[in-house]
């Protein structure tokens, strides 16, 4: 069996919230950012299989009202690929056998757009 998926490594590699908010940070198994008056958390979204992930779970949280919304951004839906050139492959899920492939490069443009759209929904004036 491969080594467990290293959440911290994956979140630091993708840095999806940091691309929207430079002060975002990875703490444990979660990337966290505060944009305007909303806190956003991003973590790997598990499948029904042990240590296998289909994408990211993104949550918007109001410090006063609690959770506002959560969405799952799948690798497949957002066309995430690993590798470059002829070695480029679609990423359908992340598991102990393929997480090292991320070191060969990862393409996340559609995923980045989805994170920006979600954060803009809950903190619109912060993205002006």
C-alpha atoms as a PDB file:
ATOM      1  CA  UNK A   1       0.000   0.000   0.000  1.00  0.00           C
ATOM      2  CA  UNK A   2       1.153   3.554  -0.726  1.00  0.00           C
ATOM      3  CA  UNK A   3       1.839   6.157   1.911  1.00  0.00           C
ATOM      4  CA  UNK A   4      -1.182   8.041   3.332  1.00  0.00           C
ATOM      5  CA  UNK A   5      -2.237  11.184   1.476  1.00  0.00           C
ATOM      6  CA  UNK A   6      -0.356  14.081   3.117  1.00  0.00           C
ATOM      7  CA  UNK A   7      -3.126  16.661   3.577  1.00  0.00           C
ATOM      8  CA  UNK A   8      -0.828  19.508   4.565  1.00  0.00           C
ATOM      9  CA  UNK A   9       1.426  18.925   1.539  1.00  0.00           C
ATOM     10  CA  UNK A  10      -1.557  18.807  -0.863  1.00  0.00           C
ATOM     11  CA  UNK A  11      -3.139  21.971   0.573  1.00  0.00           C
ATOM     12  CA  UNK A  12       0.198  23.819   0.423  1.00  0.00           C
ATOM     13  CA  UNK A  13       0.701  22.692  -3.160  1.00  0.00           C
ATOM     14  CA  UNK A  14      -2.746  23.790  -4.385  1.00  0.00           C
ATOM     15  CA  UNK A  15      -3.015  26.892  -2.107  1.00  0.00           C
ATOM     16  CA  UNK A  16      -6.448  27.656  -3.515  1.00  0.00           C
ATOM     17  CA  UNK A  17      -7.492  30.125  -0.812  1.00  0.00           C
ATOM     18  CA  UNK A  18      -4.070  31.802  -0.796  1.00  0.00           C
ATOM     19  CA  UNK A  19      -4.560  32.628  -4.489  1.00  0.00           C
ATOM     20  CA  UNK A  20      -7.662  34.600  -3.441  1.00  0.00           C
ATOM     21  CA  UNK A  21      -6.430  35.899  -0.077  1.00  0.00           C
ATOM     22  CA  UNK A  22      -2.633  36.215   0.421  1.00  0.00           C
ATOM     23  CA  UNK A  23      -2.983  35.853   4.212  1.00  0.00           C
ATOM     24  CA  UNK A  24      -4.495  32.357   3.941  1.00  0.00           C
ATOM     25  CA  UNK A  25      -2.633  29.701   5.877  1.00  0.00           C
ATOM     26  CA  UNK A  26      -2.589  25.923   6.145  1.00  0.00           C
ATOM     27  CA  UNK A  27      -3.138  24.641   9.670  1.00  0.00           C
ATOM     28  CA  UNK A  28      -3.187  20.883  10.132  1.00  0.00           C
ATOM     29  CA  UNK A  29      -5.537  19.445   7.492  1.00  0.00           C
ATOM     30  CA  UNK A  30      -7.263  22.733   6.609  1.00  0.00           C
ATOM     31  CA  UNK A  31      -6.439  25.893   4.684  1.00  0.00           C
ATOM     32  CA  UNK A  32      -8.031  28.926   6.352  1.00  0.00           C
ATOM     33  CA  UNK A  33      -8.599  32.491   5.145  1.00  0.00           C
ATOM     34  CA  UNK A  34     -10.526  35.452   6.450  1.00  0.00           C
ATOM     35  CA  UNK A  35     -11.938  37.610   3.676  1.00  0.00           C
ATOM     36  CA  UNK A  36     -13.836  40.668   4.868  1.00  0.00           C
ATOM     37  CA  UNK A  37     -16.091  39.370   7.676  1.00  0.00           C
ATOM     38  CA  UNK A  38     -16.200  35.763   6.491  1.00  0.00           C
ATOM     39  CA  UNK A  39     -13.902  32.861   7.333  1.00  0.00           C
ATOM     40  CA  UNK A  40     -13.308  30.246   4.634  1.00  0.00           C
ATOM     41  CA  UNK A  41     -11.972  26.760   5.240  1.00  0.00           C
ATOM     42  CA  UNK A  42     -10.734  24.333   2.606  1.00  0.00           C
ATOM     43  CA  UNK A  43      -9.988  20.663   3.173  1.00  0.00           C
ATOM     44  CA  UNK A  44      -9.813  17.477   1.142  1.00  0.00           C
ATOM     45  CA  UNK A  45     -13.259  16.009   0.375  1.00  0.00           C
ATOM     46  CA  UNK A  46     -13.272  12.281   1.199  1.00  0.00           C
ATOM     47  CA  UNK A  47     -14.948   9.569  -0.835  1.00  0.00           C
ATOM     48  CA  UNK A  48     -16.415   6.408   0.687  1.00  0.00           C
ATOM     49  CA  UNK A  49     -12.961   4.779   0.387  1.00  0.00           C
ATOM     50  CA  UNK A  50     -10.399   5.137   3.156  1.00  0.00           C
ATOM     51  CA  UNK A  51      -7.778   7.842   2.457  1.00  0.00           C
ATOM     52  CA  UNK A  52      -9.260   8.649  -0.971  1.00  0.00           C
ATOM     53  CA  UNK A  53     -10.413  12.139  -1.921  1.00  0.00           C
ATOM     54  CA  UNK A  54     -12.548  13.440  -4.798  1.00  0.00           C
ATOM     55  CA  UNK A  55     -11.617  17.112  -4.492  1.00  0.00           C
ATOM     56  CA  UNK A  56     -11.946  19.857  -1.890  1.00  0.00           C
ATOM     57  CA  UNK A  57     -14.641  20.854   0.604  1.00  0.00           C
ATOM     58  CA  UNK A  58     -14.941  24.642   0.820  1.00  0.00           C
ATOM     59  CA  UNK A  59     -16.939  26.221   3.650  1.00  0.00           C
ATOM     60  CA  UNK A  60     -17.947  29.831   4.331  1.00  0.00           C
ATOM     61  CA  UNK A  61     -18.375  30.672   8.028  1.00  0.00           C
ATOM     62  CA  UNK A  62     -19.715  33.813   9.657  1.00  0.00           C
ATOM     63  CA  UNK A  63     -17.961  34.527  12.968  1.00  0.00           C
ATOM     64  CA  UNK A  64     -21.350  35.522  14.428  1.00  0.00           C
ATOM     65  CA  UNK A  65     -23.862  33.276  12.648  1.00  0.00           C
ATOM     66  CA  UNK A  66     -21.797  30.116  12.084  1.00  0.00           C
ATOM     67  CA  UNK A  67     -21.575  28.085   8.857  1.00  0.00           C
ATOM     68  CA  UNK A  68     -23.177  29.789   5.852  1.00  0.00           C
ATOM     69  CA  UNK A  69     -22.553  27.258   3.077  1.00  0.00           C
ATOM     70  CA  UNK A  70     -20.379  24.352   2.037  1.00  0.00           C
ATOM     71  CA  UNK A  71     -19.564  23.078  -1.433  1.00  0.00           C
ATOM     72  CA  UNK A  72     -17.510  20.195  -2.766  1.00  0.00           C
ATOM     73  CA  UNK A  73     -15.264  21.060  -5.684  1.00  0.00           C
ATOM     74  CA  UNK A  74     -14.355  17.806  -7.421  1.00  0.00           C
ATOM     75  CA  UNK A  75     -11.179  17.294  -9.392  1.00  0.00           C
ATOM     76  CA  UNK A  76     -13.170  15.864 -12.312  1.00  0.00           C
ATOM     77  CA  UNK A  77     -15.776  18.622 -12.505  1.00  0.00           C
ATOM     78  CA  UNK A  78     -13.091  21.316 -12.430  1.00  0.00           C
ATOM     79  CA  UNK A  79     -10.756  19.605 -14.921  1.00  0.00           C
ATOM     80  CA  UNK A  80      -7.747  19.216 -12.620  1.00  0.00           C
ATOM     81  CA  UNK A  81      -4.797  17.514 -14.304  1.00  0.00           C
ATOM     82  CA  UNK A  82      -1.336  16.407 -13.221  1.00  0.00           C
ATOM     83  CA  UNK A  83       1.850  16.334 -15.240  1.00  0.00           C
ATOM     84  CA  UNK A  84       2.766  18.346 -18.296  1.00  0.00           C
ATOM     85  CA  UNK A  85       2.776  17.805 -22.043  1.00  0.00           C
ATOM     86  CA  UNK A  86       2.272  14.191 -23.143  1.00  0.00           C
ATOM     87  CA  UNK A  87       2.415  13.084 -19.482  1.00  0.00           C
ATOM     88  CA  UNK A  88      -0.648  15.194 -18.547  1.00  0.00           C
ATOM     89  CA  UNK A  89      -3.391  13.098 -16.924  1.00  0.00           C
ATOM     90  CA  UNK A  90      -6.844  13.866 -15.528  1.00  0.00           C
ATOM     91  CA  UNK A  91      -7.003  13.719 -11.746  1.00  0.00           C
ATOM     92  CA  UNK A  92     -10.202  11.916 -10.760  1.00  0.00           C
ATOM     93  CA  UNK A  93      -9.326  11.191  -7.153  1.00  0.00           C
ATOM     94  CA  UNK A  94      -6.369  11.511  -4.838  1.00  0.00           C
ATOM     95  CA  UNK A  95      -5.246   8.416  -2.969  1.00  0.00           C
ATOM     96  CA  UNK A  96      -2.145   6.778  -1.437  1.00  0.00           C
ATOM     97  CA  UNK A  97      -1.111   5.487  -4.872  1.00  0.00           C
ATOM     98  CA  UNK A  98      -1.192   8.691  -6.912  1.00  0.00           C
ATOM     99  CA  UNK A  99      -0.604  11.701  -4.631  1.00  0.00           C
ATOM    100  CA  UNK A 100       3.096  11.739  -5.575  1.00  0.00           C
ATOM    101  CA  UNK A 101       2.008  12.529  -9.161  1.00  0.00           C
ATOM    102  CA  UNK A 102       1.232  16.061  -7.959  1.00  0.00           C
ATOM    103  CA  UNK A 103       4.995  16.695  -7.865  1.00  0.00           C
ATOM    104  CA  UNK A 104       5.016  16.483 -11.682  1.00  0.00           C
ATOM    105  CA  UNK A 105       2.828  19.584 -11.918  1.00  0.00           C
ATOM    106  CA  UNK A 106      -0.838  20.280 -11.375  1.00  0.00           C
ATOM    107  CA  UNK A 107      -3.221  22.368 -13.509  1.00  0.00           C
ATOM    108  CA  UNK A 108      -6.023  23.996 -11.496  1.00  0.00           C
ATOM    109  CA  UNK A 109      -7.384  26.955 -13.484  1.00  0.00           C
ATOM    110  CA  UNK A 110     -11.061  25.880 -13.339  1.00  0.00           C
ATOM    111  CA  UNK A 111     -10.742  25.011  -9.646  1.00  0.00           C
ATOM    112  CA  UNK A 112      -9.270  28.442  -8.911  1.00  0.00           C
ATOM    113  CA  UNK A 113     -12.198  30.110 -10.707  1.00  0.00           C
ATOM    114  CA  UNK A 114     -14.674  28.082  -8.649  1.00  0.00           C
ATOM    115  CA  UNK A 115     -12.992  29.071  -5.360  1.00  0.00           C
ATOM    116  CA  UNK A 116     -13.010  32.739  -6.375  1.00  0.00           C
ATOM    117  CA  UNK A 117     -16.693  32.542  -7.367  1.00  0.00           C
ATOM    118  CA  UNK A 118     -17.625  30.922  -4.038  1.00  0.00           C
ATOM    119  CA  UNK A 119     -15.641  33.386  -1.904  1.00  0.00           C
ATOM    120  CA  UNK A 120     -17.013  36.330  -3.895  1.00  0.00           C
ATOM    121  CA  UNK A 121     -20.553  35.151  -3.124  1.00  0.00           C
ATOM    122  CA  UNK A 122     -19.949  35.552   0.614  1.00  0.00           C
ATOM    123  CA  UNK A 123     -17.385  38.378   0.637  1.00  0.00           C
ATOM    124  CA  UNK A 124     -18.123  40.361  -2.563  1.00  0.00           C
ATOM    125  CA  UNK A 125     -16.553  43.677  -1.601  1.00  0.00           C
ATOM    126  CA  UNK A 126     -13.236  42.041  -0.753  1.00  0.00           C
ATOM    127  CA  UNK A 127     -12.639  41.087  -4.402  1.00  0.00           C
ATOM    128  CA  UNK A 128     -13.008  44.540  -5.946  1.00  0.00           C
END
